[in-house]
Amino acid sequence: MDGNIKNQVTLMRAVIGRKTMEIDAFEEKAASATGEEAEKYLNMIDFLKSDIFGYKSVIVDFRDGSCDFTANLWDVANLPEESLGLYTNYYLPGLAPDEREEETTAMGVKVAYAEELKRAFVLFIGRSALTDPRALDIILANEKLVTLIGEEVIANPELMNVLEKQ
């Protein structure tokens, strides 16, 4: 594992530890709260649990240092939508400055990983579709897809050169 990945894993593990303790604190607060306040705490708990699960998924891929983007995008990016506002407006402002910086950096690592995982997955699916005869038949029958491919080919001089030489 190279130094950068090791530092990222260390950071994410620290964030997981902090969030685990925060879950305990929110559970205590939720136990004595009622109504909207209790719901807010429960939503934060759901958010933090999902966030931790995402970090763990990234760490598993980083563990051997290969970073081959084998995690499941849903696992990495599955954060309850109803908690996003709480996260931004309540959770982040409640962190100490050093914790907020750690949180921002760790979330940046996770977001970058999720974006690259999505790109790798889309690339894999695209290549699979273009090499599978059955999928290729379906693509060729879809005018919208063929048009999109045509536009990309036109924008690529190397591809246009190959086609013009046929």
N, C-alpha and C. Protein backbone atom coordinates (compact mmCIF):
# COMPACT_ATOMS: atom_id res chain seq x y z
N MET A 1 0.86 -1.17 0.00
CA MET A 1 0.00 0.00 0.00
C MET A 1 0.90 1.23 0.00
N ASP A 2 0.68 2.13 -0.97
CA ASP A 2 1.53 3.32 -1.00
C ASP A 2 1.14 4.28 0.12
N GLY A 3 2.02 5.25 0.36
CA GLY A 3 1.83 6.17 1.48
C GLY A 3 0.54 6.95 1.41
N ASN A 4 0.15 7.40 0.21
CA ASN A 4 -1.07 8.18 0.06
C ASN A 4 -2.30 7.35 0.43
N ILE A 5 -2.36 6.13 -0.09
CA ILE A 5 -3.51 5.28 0.23
C ILE A 5 -3.51 4.94 1.71
N LYS A 6 -2.33 4.67 2.27
CA LYS A 6 -2.24 4.35 3.70
C LYS A 6 -2.76 5.53 4.53
N ASN A 7 -2.37 6.75 4.14
CA ASN A 7 -2.86 7.95 4.85
C ASN A 7 -4.37 8.08 4.73
N GLN A 8 -4.90 7.79 3.54
CA GLN A 8 -6.35 7.88 3.33
C GLN A 8 -7.09 6.85 4.17
N VAL A 9 -6.55 5.63 4.25
CA VAL A 9 -7.17 4.58 5.07
C VAL A 9 -7.12 4.98 6.54
N THR A 10 -5.99 5.50 6.98
CA THR A 10 -5.87 5.94 8.37
C THR A 10 -6.88 7.03 8.68
N LEU A 11 -7.02 7.98 7.77
CA LEU A 11 -7.98 9.06 7.93
C LEU A 11 -9.41 8.51 8.01
N MET A 12 -9.76 7.63 7.08
CA MET A 12 -11.13 7.09 7.06
C MET A 12 -11.40 6.27 8.32
N ARG A 13 -10.41 5.52 8.81
CA ARG A 13 -10.61 4.76 10.05
C ARG A 13 -10.81 5.69 11.24
N ALA A 14 -10.09 6.79 11.27
CA ALA A 14 -10.28 7.77 12.35
C ALA A 14 -11.69 8.36 12.29
N VAL A 15 -12.14 8.66 11.09
CA VAL A 15 -13.49 9.21 10.92
C VAL A 15 -14.54 8.19 11.34
N ILE A 16 -14.33 6.93 10.98
CA ILE A 16 -15.26 5.87 11.38
C ILE A 16 -15.33 5.78 12.90
N GLY A 17 -14.17 5.83 13.57
CA GLY A 17 -14.16 5.78 15.04
C GLY A 17 -14.92 6.93 15.66
N ARG A 18 -14.70 8.14 15.14
CA ARG A 18 -15.41 9.32 15.65
C ARG A 18 -16.90 9.19 15.42
N LYS A 19 -17.28 8.75 14.24
CA LYS A 19 -18.71 8.64 13.91
C LYS A 19 -19.38 7.56 14.75
N THR A 20 -18.67 6.50 15.07
CA THR A 20 -19.23 5.45 15.92
C THR A 20 -19.56 6.03 17.30
N MET A 21 -18.66 6.83 17.84
CA MET A 21 -18.93 7.47 19.14
C MET A 21 -20.07 8.47 19.02
N GLU A 22 -20.15 9.17 17.90
CA GLU A 22 -21.25 10.13 17.70
C GLU A 22 -22.59 9.40 17.62
N ILE A 23 -22.61 8.24 17.01
CA ILE A 23 -23.84 7.45 16.96
C ILE A 23 -24.31 7.16 18.38
N ASP A 24 -23.38 6.75 19.24
CA ASP A 24 -23.74 6.48 20.64
C ASP A 24 -24.34 7.72 21.30
N ALA A 25 -23.74 8.89 21.04
CA ALA A 25 -24.24 10.13 21.63
C ALA A 25 -25.63 10.47 21.08
N PHE A 26 -25.83 10.31 19.78
CA PHE A 26 -27.14 10.59 19.19
C PHE A 26 -28.19 9.60 19.69
N GLU A 27 -27.81 8.36 19.92
CA GLU A 27 -28.76 7.37 20.46
C GLU A 27 -29.21 7.78 21.86
N GLU A 28 -28.28 8.27 22.68
CA GLU A 28 -28.64 8.75 24.02
C GLU A 28 -29.60 9.94 23.93
N LYS A 29 -29.28 10.88 23.03
CA LYS A 29 -30.14 12.06 22.87
C LYS A 29 -31.52 11.65 22.35
N ALA A 30 -31.57 10.72 21.42
CA ALA A 30 -32.84 10.29 20.84
C ALA A 30 -33.72 9.61 21.88
N ALA A 31 -33.08 8.89 22.81
CA ALA A 31 -33.84 8.18 23.85
C ALA A 31 -34.62 9.13 24.75
N SER A 32 -34.10 10.33 24.94
CA SER A 32 -34.80 11.28 25.82
C SER A 32 -35.54 12.37 25.05
N ALA A 33 -35.47 12.34 23.74
CA ALA A 33 -36.13 13.36 22.91
C ALA A 33 -37.49 12.85 22.42
N THR A 34 -38.30 13.78 21.93
CA THR A 34 -39.60 13.41 21.36
C THR A 34 -39.81 14.18 20.07
N GLY A 35 -40.78 13.71 19.29
CA GLY A 35 -41.21 14.42 18.08
C GLY A 35 -40.11 14.66 17.07
N GLU A 36 -40.09 15.91 16.56
CA GLU A 36 -39.12 16.27 15.51
C GLU A 36 -37.68 16.14 15.97
N GLU A 37 -37.45 16.47 17.22
CA GLU A 37 -36.08 16.39 17.74
C GLU A 37 -35.59 14.95 17.73
N ALA A 38 -36.43 14.02 18.17
CA ALA A 38 -36.06 12.60 18.16
C ALA A 38 -35.84 12.12 16.73
N GLU A 39 -36.71 12.57 15.83
CA GLU A 39 -36.58 12.18 14.42
C GLU A 39 -35.27 12.70 13.83
N LYS A 40 -34.88 13.92 14.19
CA LYS A 40 -33.62 14.50 13.72
C LYS A 40 -32.45 13.62 14.17
N TYR A 41 -32.46 13.21 15.42
CA TYR A 41 -31.37 12.37 15.93
C TYR A 41 -31.36 11.01 15.23
N LEU A 42 -32.52 10.45 15.02
CA LEU A 42 -32.59 9.14 14.36
C LEU A 42 -32.14 9.24 12.91
N ASN A 43 -32.48 10.33 12.24
CA ASN A 43 -32.00 10.53 10.86
C ASN A 43 -30.48 10.69 10.83
N MET A 44 -29.92 11.40 11.82
CA MET A 44 -28.46 11.53 11.88
C MET A 44 -27.81 10.17 12.11
N ILE A 45 -28.42 9.34 12.93
CA ILE A 45 -27.88 7.99 13.18
C ILE A 45 -27.89 7.19 11.88
N ASP A 46 -29.00 7.24 11.15
CA ASP A 46 -29.08 6.53 9.86
C ASP A 46 -28.02 7.03 8.90
N PHE A 47 -27.86 8.36 8.86
CA PHE A 47 -26.87 8.95 7.97
C PHE A 47 -25.47 8.47 8.35
N LEU A 48 -25.14 8.55 9.61
CA LEU A 48 -23.80 8.17 10.06
C LEU A 48 -23.52 6.68 9.82
N LYS A 49 -24.51 5.84 10.05
CA LYS A 49 -24.33 4.40 9.80
C LYS A 49 -24.08 4.14 8.31
N SER A 50 -24.84 4.78 7.45
CA SER A 50 -24.63 4.62 6.01
C SER A 50 -23.28 5.17 5.59
N ASP A 51 -22.91 6.29 6.17
CA ASP A 51 -21.62 6.91 5.85
C ASP A 51 -20.48 5.98 6.27
N ILE A 52 -20.57 5.41 7.45
CA ILE A 52 -19.55 4.47 7.93
C ILE A 52 -19.46 3.27 7.00
N PHE A 53 -20.60 2.74 6.60
CA PHE A 53 -20.60 1.59 5.70
C PHE A 53 -19.89 1.93 4.39
N GLY A 54 -20.13 3.14 3.88
CA GLY A 54 -19.45 3.58 2.66
C GLY A 54 -17.95 3.66 2.84
N TYR A 55 -17.52 4.23 3.97
CA TYR A 55 -16.08 4.30 4.23
C TYR A 55 -15.48 2.90 4.32
N LYS A 56 -16.17 2.00 4.98
CA LYS A 56 -15.65 0.63 5.10
C LYS A 56 -15.53 -0.04 3.73
N SER A 57 -16.47 0.23 2.84
CA SER A 57 -16.39 -0.33 1.48
C SER A 57 -15.17 0.17 0.74
N VAL A 58 -14.86 1.46 0.89
CA VAL A 58 -13.69 2.04 0.24
C VAL A 58 -12.42 1.43 0.85
N ILE A 59 -12.38 1.32 2.17
CA ILE A 59 -11.21 0.77 2.85
C ILE A 59 -10.92 -0.65 2.39
N VAL A 60 -11.96 -1.46 2.22
CA VAL A 60 -11.76 -2.84 1.77
C VAL A 60 -11.05 -2.85 0.42
N ASP A 61 -11.44 -1.94 -0.47
CA ASP A 61 -10.79 -1.89 -1.78
C ASP A 61 -9.36 -1.35 -1.67
N PHE A 62 -9.14 -0.40 -0.77
CA PHE A 62 -7.81 0.19 -0.60
C PHE A 62 -6.85 -0.73 0.15
N ARG A 63 -7.40 -1.67 0.91
CA ARG A 63 -6.59 -2.46 1.84
C ARG A 63 -5.36 -3.09 1.20
N ASP A 64 -5.53 -3.68 0.01
CA ASP A 64 -4.38 -4.34 -0.62
C ASP A 64 -3.56 -3.38 -1.47
N GLY A 65 -3.98 -2.12 -1.52
CA GLY A 65 -3.22 -1.12 -2.24
C GLY A 65 -3.49 -1.07 -3.73
N SER A 66 -4.34 -1.97 -4.22
CA SER A 66 -4.58 -2.01 -5.66
C SER A 66 -5.56 -0.93 -6.11
N CYS A 67 -6.49 -0.59 -5.25
CA CYS A 67 -7.53 0.40 -5.57
C CYS A 67 -8.13 0.07 -6.94
N ASP A 68 -8.68 -1.12 -7.05
CA ASP A 68 -9.21 -1.59 -8.34
C ASP A 68 -10.69 -1.26 -8.53
N PHE A 69 -11.24 -0.47 -7.64
CA PHE A 69 -12.62 -0.01 -7.77
C PHE A 69 -13.60 -1.17 -7.90
N THR A 70 -13.50 -2.09 -6.94
CA THR A 70 -14.38 -3.26 -6.94
C THR A 70 -15.55 -3.09 -5.96
N ALA A 71 -15.60 -1.99 -5.25
CA ALA A 71 -16.71 -1.80 -4.31
C ALA A 71 -18.02 -1.62 -5.07
N ASN A 72 -19.11 -1.70 -4.36
CA ASN A 72 -20.43 -1.48 -4.93
C ASN A 72 -20.76 0.01 -4.75
N LEU A 73 -21.07 0.69 -5.84
CA LEU A 73 -21.34 2.12 -5.78
C LEU A 73 -22.47 2.43 -4.80
N TRP A 74 -23.47 1.58 -4.74
CA TRP A 74 -24.58 1.79 -3.81
C TRP A 74 -24.08 1.80 -2.38
N ASP A 75 -23.14 0.90 -2.05
CA ASP A 75 -22.59 0.85 -0.70
C ASP A 75 -21.83 2.13 -0.35
N VAL A 76 -21.10 2.65 -1.32
CA VAL A 76 -20.26 3.82 -1.08
C VAL A 76 -21.09 5.09 -1.01
N ALA A 77 -22.08 5.21 -1.86
CA ALA A 77 -22.81 6.48 -2.01
C ALA A 77 -24.23 6.45 -1.44
N ASN A 78 -24.61 5.41 -0.72
CA ASN A 78 -25.96 5.28 -0.20
C ASN A 78 -26.12 6.08 1.09
N LEU A 79 -26.46 7.34 0.95
CA LEU A 79 -26.71 8.18 2.12
C LEU A 79 -28.16 8.62 2.09
N PRO A 80 -28.87 8.46 3.22
CA PRO A 80 -30.28 8.83 3.24
C PRO A 80 -30.50 10.29 2.86
N GLU A 81 -31.31 10.51 1.84
CA GLU A 81 -31.54 11.86 1.31
C GLU A 81 -32.10 12.80 2.36
N GLU A 82 -32.98 12.28 3.23
CA GLU A 82 -33.60 13.15 4.23
C GLU A 82 -32.59 13.63 5.28
N SER A 83 -31.41 13.01 5.31
CA SER A 83 -30.40 13.40 6.28
C SER A 83 -29.37 14.38 5.72
N LEU A 84 -29.37 14.59 4.41
CA LEU A 84 -28.34 15.44 3.82
C LEU A 84 -28.39 16.87 4.35
N GLY A 85 -29.57 17.42 4.50
CA GLY A 85 -29.72 18.76 5.06
C GLY A 85 -29.25 18.81 6.51
N LEU A 86 -29.60 17.80 7.28
CA LEU A 86 -29.13 17.74 8.66
C LEU A 86 -27.61 17.67 8.72
N TYR A 87 -27.05 16.90 7.82
CA TYR A 87 -25.59 16.75 7.78
C TYR A 87 -24.93 18.10 7.53
N THR A 88 -25.43 18.81 6.52
CA THR A 88 -24.84 20.09 6.13
C THR A 88 -25.14 21.20 7.13
N ASN A 89 -26.37 21.26 7.61
CA ASN A 89 -26.81 22.39 8.43
C ASN A 89 -26.68 22.17 9.93
N TYR A 90 -26.60 20.91 10.35
CA TYR A 90 -26.58 20.63 11.79
C TYR A 90 -25.30 19.90 12.20
N TYR A 91 -24.97 18.84 11.49
CA TYR A 91 -23.84 18.01 11.89
C TYR A 91 -22.50 18.71 11.67
N LEU A 92 -22.25 19.16 10.44
CA LEU A 92 -20.95 19.79 10.14
C LEU A 92 -20.67 21.02 11.02
N PRO A 93 -21.65 21.92 11.18
CA PRO A 93 -21.38 23.08 12.04
C PRO A 93 -21.11 22.70 13.50
N GLY A 94 -21.58 21.53 13.93
CA GLY A 94 -21.38 21.09 15.31
C GLY A 94 -20.03 20.47 15.57
N LEU A 95 -19.26 20.23 14.51
CA LEU A 95 -17.93 19.63 14.68
C LEU A 95 -16.91 20.69 15.05
N ALA A 96 -15.91 20.27 15.80
CA ALA A 96 -14.78 21.15 16.10
C ALA A 96 -14.05 21.41 14.79
N PRO A 97 -13.33 22.53 14.68
CA PRO A 97 -12.66 22.86 13.41
C PRO A 97 -11.76 21.74 12.88
N ASP A 98 -10.98 21.09 13.74
CA ASP A 98 -10.11 20.01 13.26
C ASP A 98 -10.92 18.81 12.81
N GLU A 99 -12.03 18.53 13.48
CA GLU A 99 -12.91 17.44 13.07
C GLU A 99 -13.59 17.75 11.74
N ARG A 100 -13.98 19.02 11.55
CA ARG A 100 -14.62 19.43 10.31
C ARG A 100 -13.65 19.29 9.14
N GLU A 101 -12.40 19.67 9.37
CA GLU A 101 -11.38 19.52 8.32
C GLU A 101 -11.16 18.04 8.00
N GLU A 102 -11.08 17.21 9.03
CA GLU A 102 -10.93 15.77 8.84
C GLU A 102 -12.12 15.19 8.09
N GLU A 103 -13.31 15.63 8.46
CA GLU A 103 -14.55 15.18 7.83
C GLU A 103 -14.57 15.56 6.35
N THR A 104 -14.22 16.81 6.06
CA THR A 104 -14.23 17.29 4.68
C THR A 104 -13.22 16.53 3.83
N THR A 105 -12.05 16.29 4.38
CA THR A 105 -11.02 15.56 3.64
C THR A 105 -11.45 14.11 3.39
N ALA A 106 -11.96 13.46 4.44
CA ALA A 106 -12.39 12.06 4.30
C ALA A 106 -13.57 11.95 3.32
N MET A 107 -14.51 12.87 3.40
CA MET A 107 -15.65 12.83 2.48
C MET A 107 -15.16 13.07 1.06
N GLY A 108 -14.17 13.92 0.90
CA GLY A 108 -13.59 14.15 -0.42
C GLY A 108 -12.98 12.89 -1.00
N VAL A 109 -12.29 12.12 -0.16
CA VAL A 109 -11.71 10.84 -0.61
C VAL A 109 -12.83 9.90 -1.04
N LYS A 110 -13.87 9.83 -0.23
CA LYS A 110 -14.99 8.93 -0.54
C LYS A 110 -15.72 9.35 -1.81
N VAL A 111 -15.95 10.64 -1.97
CA VAL A 111 -16.63 11.14 -3.16
C VAL A 111 -15.79 10.88 -4.41
N ALA A 112 -14.49 11.15 -4.32
CA ALA A 112 -13.61 10.90 -5.47
C ALA A 112 -13.60 9.42 -5.82
N TYR A 113 -13.58 8.58 -4.79
CA TYR A 113 -13.62 7.14 -5.03
C TYR A 113 -14.93 6.77 -5.72
N ALA A 114 -16.05 7.29 -5.23
CA ALA A 114 -17.36 6.97 -5.81
C ALA A 114 -17.43 7.42 -7.27
N GLU A 115 -16.89 8.59 -7.56
CA GLU A 115 -16.91 9.07 -8.95
C GLU A 115 -16.07 8.17 -9.86
N GLU A 116 -14.90 7.76 -9.38
CA GLU A 116 -14.05 6.89 -10.18
C GLU A 116 -14.66 5.49 -10.31
N LEU A 117 -15.30 5.03 -9.24
CA LEU A 117 -15.98 3.73 -9.29
C LEU A 117 -17.10 3.76 -10.33
N LYS A 118 -17.86 4.84 -10.36
CA LYS A 118 -18.93 4.99 -11.35
C LYS A 118 -18.34 5.00 -12.76
N ARG A 119 -17.25 5.77 -12.95
CA ARG A 119 -16.61 5.84 -14.26
C ARG A 119 -16.12 4.46 -14.70
N ALA A 120 -15.48 3.74 -13.79
CA ALA A 120 -14.97 2.40 -14.10
C ALA A 120 -16.11 1.44 -14.44
N PHE A 121 -17.21 1.55 -13.72
CA PHE A 121 -18.35 0.67 -13.97
C PHE A 121 -18.98 0.97 -15.33
N VAL A 122 -19.17 2.26 -15.61
CA VAL A 122 -19.76 2.65 -16.90
C VAL A 122 -18.86 2.21 -18.05
N LEU A 123 -17.56 2.37 -17.88
CA LEU A 123 -16.61 1.95 -18.89
C LEU A 123 -16.69 0.43 -19.12
N PHE A 124 -16.76 -0.31 -18.03
CA PHE A 124 -16.88 -1.78 -18.13
C PHE A 124 -18.16 -2.17 -18.87
N ILE A 125 -19.27 -1.54 -18.50
CA ILE A 125 -20.55 -1.86 -19.14
C ILE A 125 -20.51 -1.48 -20.61
N GLY A 126 -19.94 -0.32 -20.94
CA GLY A 126 -19.84 0.11 -22.34
C GLY A 126 -19.03 -0.87 -23.17
N ARG A 127 -17.89 -1.27 -22.63
CA ARG A 127 -17.06 -2.24 -23.36
C ARG A 127 -17.77 -3.57 -23.52
N SER A 128 -18.44 -3.99 -22.48
CA SER A 128 -19.18 -5.26 -22.54
C SER A 128 -20.28 -5.19 -23.61
N ALA A 129 -20.98 -4.06 -23.65
CA ALA A 129 -22.07 -3.90 -24.61
C ALA A 129 -21.55 -3.90 -26.04
N LEU A 130 -20.37 -3.31 -26.26
CA LEU A 130 -19.83 -3.24 -27.61
C LEU A 130 -19.18 -4.54 -28.08
N THR A 131 -18.97 -5.46 -27.17
CA THR A 131 -18.34 -6.74 -27.56
C THR A 131 -19.31 -7.91 -27.48
N ASP A 132 -20.49 -7.70 -26.95
CA ASP A 132 -21.49 -8.76 -26.88
C ASP A 132 -22.40 -8.64 -28.10
N PRO A 133 -22.45 -9.66 -28.95
CA PRO A 133 -23.26 -9.57 -30.18
C PRO A 133 -24.74 -9.25 -29.92
N ARG A 134 -25.31 -9.83 -28.88
CA ARG A 134 -26.73 -9.56 -28.60
C ARG A 134 -26.94 -8.12 -28.17
N ALA A 135 -26.04 -7.62 -27.31
CA ALA A 135 -26.15 -6.22 -26.88
C ALA A 135 -25.90 -5.29 -28.06
N LEU A 136 -24.97 -5.63 -28.92
CA LEU A 136 -24.66 -4.80 -30.08
C LEU A 136 -25.86 -4.71 -31.02
N ASP A 137 -26.58 -5.81 -31.20
CA ASP A 137 -27.80 -5.78 -32.02
C ASP A 137 -28.83 -4.80 -31.45
N ILE A 138 -28.97 -4.81 -30.14
CA ILE A 138 -29.92 -3.91 -29.49
C ILE A 138 -29.46 -2.46 -29.64
N ILE A 139 -28.16 -2.22 -29.48
CA ILE A 139 -27.62 -0.87 -29.64
C ILE A 139 -27.87 -0.37 -31.07
N LEU A 140 -27.58 -1.20 -32.05
CA LEU A 140 -27.75 -0.79 -33.45
C LEU A 140 -29.21 -0.53 -33.81
N ALA A 141 -30.12 -1.14 -33.08
CA ALA A 141 -31.54 -0.92 -33.33
C ALA A 141 -32.06 0.34 -32.63
N ASN A 142 -31.23 0.95 -31.78
CA ASN A 142 -31.64 2.12 -31.02
C ASN A 142 -31.04 3.37 -31.66
N GLU A 143 -31.86 4.12 -32.37
CA GLU A 143 -31.38 5.29 -33.10
C GLU A 143 -30.70 6.31 -32.19
N LYS A 144 -31.23 6.49 -31.00
CA LYS A 144 -30.66 7.46 -30.07
C LYS A 144 -29.22 7.05 -29.69
N LEU A 145 -29.02 5.78 -29.36
CA LEU A 145 -27.68 5.31 -29.01
C LEU A 145 -26.71 5.40 -30.18
N VAL A 146 -27.16 5.02 -31.35
CA VAL A 146 -26.30 5.07 -32.52
C VAL A 146 -25.94 6.53 -32.84
N THR A 147 -26.88 7.44 -32.65
CA THR A 147 -26.61 8.86 -32.87
C THR A 147 -25.57 9.37 -31.87
N LEU A 148 -25.70 8.98 -30.61
CA LEU A 148 -24.71 9.39 -29.60
C LEU A 148 -23.32 8.87 -29.97
N ILE A 149 -23.25 7.63 -30.39
CA ILE A 149 -21.97 7.04 -30.80
C ILE A 149 -21.43 7.80 -32.01
N GLY A 150 -22.29 8.07 -32.97
CA GLY A 150 -21.89 8.81 -34.17
C GLY A 150 -21.33 10.17 -33.84
N GLU A 151 -21.97 10.88 -32.91
CA GLU A 151 -21.48 12.20 -32.51
C GLU A 151 -20.10 12.11 -31.88
N GLU A 152 -19.88 11.08 -31.08
CA GLU A 152 -18.57 10.89 -30.45
C GLU A 152 -17.51 10.52 -31.49
N VAL A 153 -17.89 9.72 -32.46
CA VAL A 153 -16.95 9.35 -33.52
C VAL A 153 -16.56 10.58 -34.33
N ILE A 154 -17.54 11.39 -34.68
CA ILE A 154 -17.27 12.62 -35.44
C ILE A 154 -16.33 13.53 -34.67
N ALA A 155 -16.46 13.56 -33.36
CA ALA A 155 -15.62 14.43 -32.53
C ALA A 155 -14.21 13.89 -32.35
N ASN A 156 -13.97 12.66 -32.78
CA ASN A 156 -12.65 12.03 -32.60
C ASN A 156 -11.97 11.88 -33.96
N PRO A 157 -11.01 12.72 -34.27
CA PRO A 157 -10.36 12.68 -35.59
C PRO A 157 -9.74 11.32 -35.92
N GLU A 158 -9.19 10.65 -34.94
CA GLU A 158 -8.57 9.34 -35.19
C GLU A 158 -9.60 8.33 -35.66
N LEU A 159 -10.76 8.31 -35.01
CA LEU A 159 -11.83 7.40 -35.42
C LEU A 159 -12.36 7.78 -36.80
N MET A 160 -12.54 9.08 -37.02
CA MET A 160 -13.03 9.52 -38.34
C MET A 160 -12.04 9.11 -39.43
N ASN A 161 -10.78 9.22 -39.16
CA ASN A 161 -9.75 8.82 -40.12
C ASN A 161 -9.85 7.33 -40.44
N VAL A 162 -10.06 6.51 -39.42
CA VAL A 162 -10.20 5.06 -39.65
C VAL A 162 -11.42 4.79 -40.51
N LEU A 163 -12.54 5.45 -40.22
CA LEU A 163 -13.77 5.20 -40.99
C LEU A 163 -13.67 5.71 -42.42
N GLU A 164 -12.99 6.82 -42.58
CA GLU A 164 -12.84 7.38 -43.94
C GLU A 164 -11.96 6.52 -44.83
N LYS A 165 -11.09 5.73 -44.23
CA LYS A 165 -10.17 4.88 -44.98
C LYS A 165 -10.80 3.53 -45.34
N GLN A 166 -12.00 3.27 -44.88
CA GLN A 166 -12.66 2.00 -45.17
C GLN A 166 -13.14 1.97 -46.59
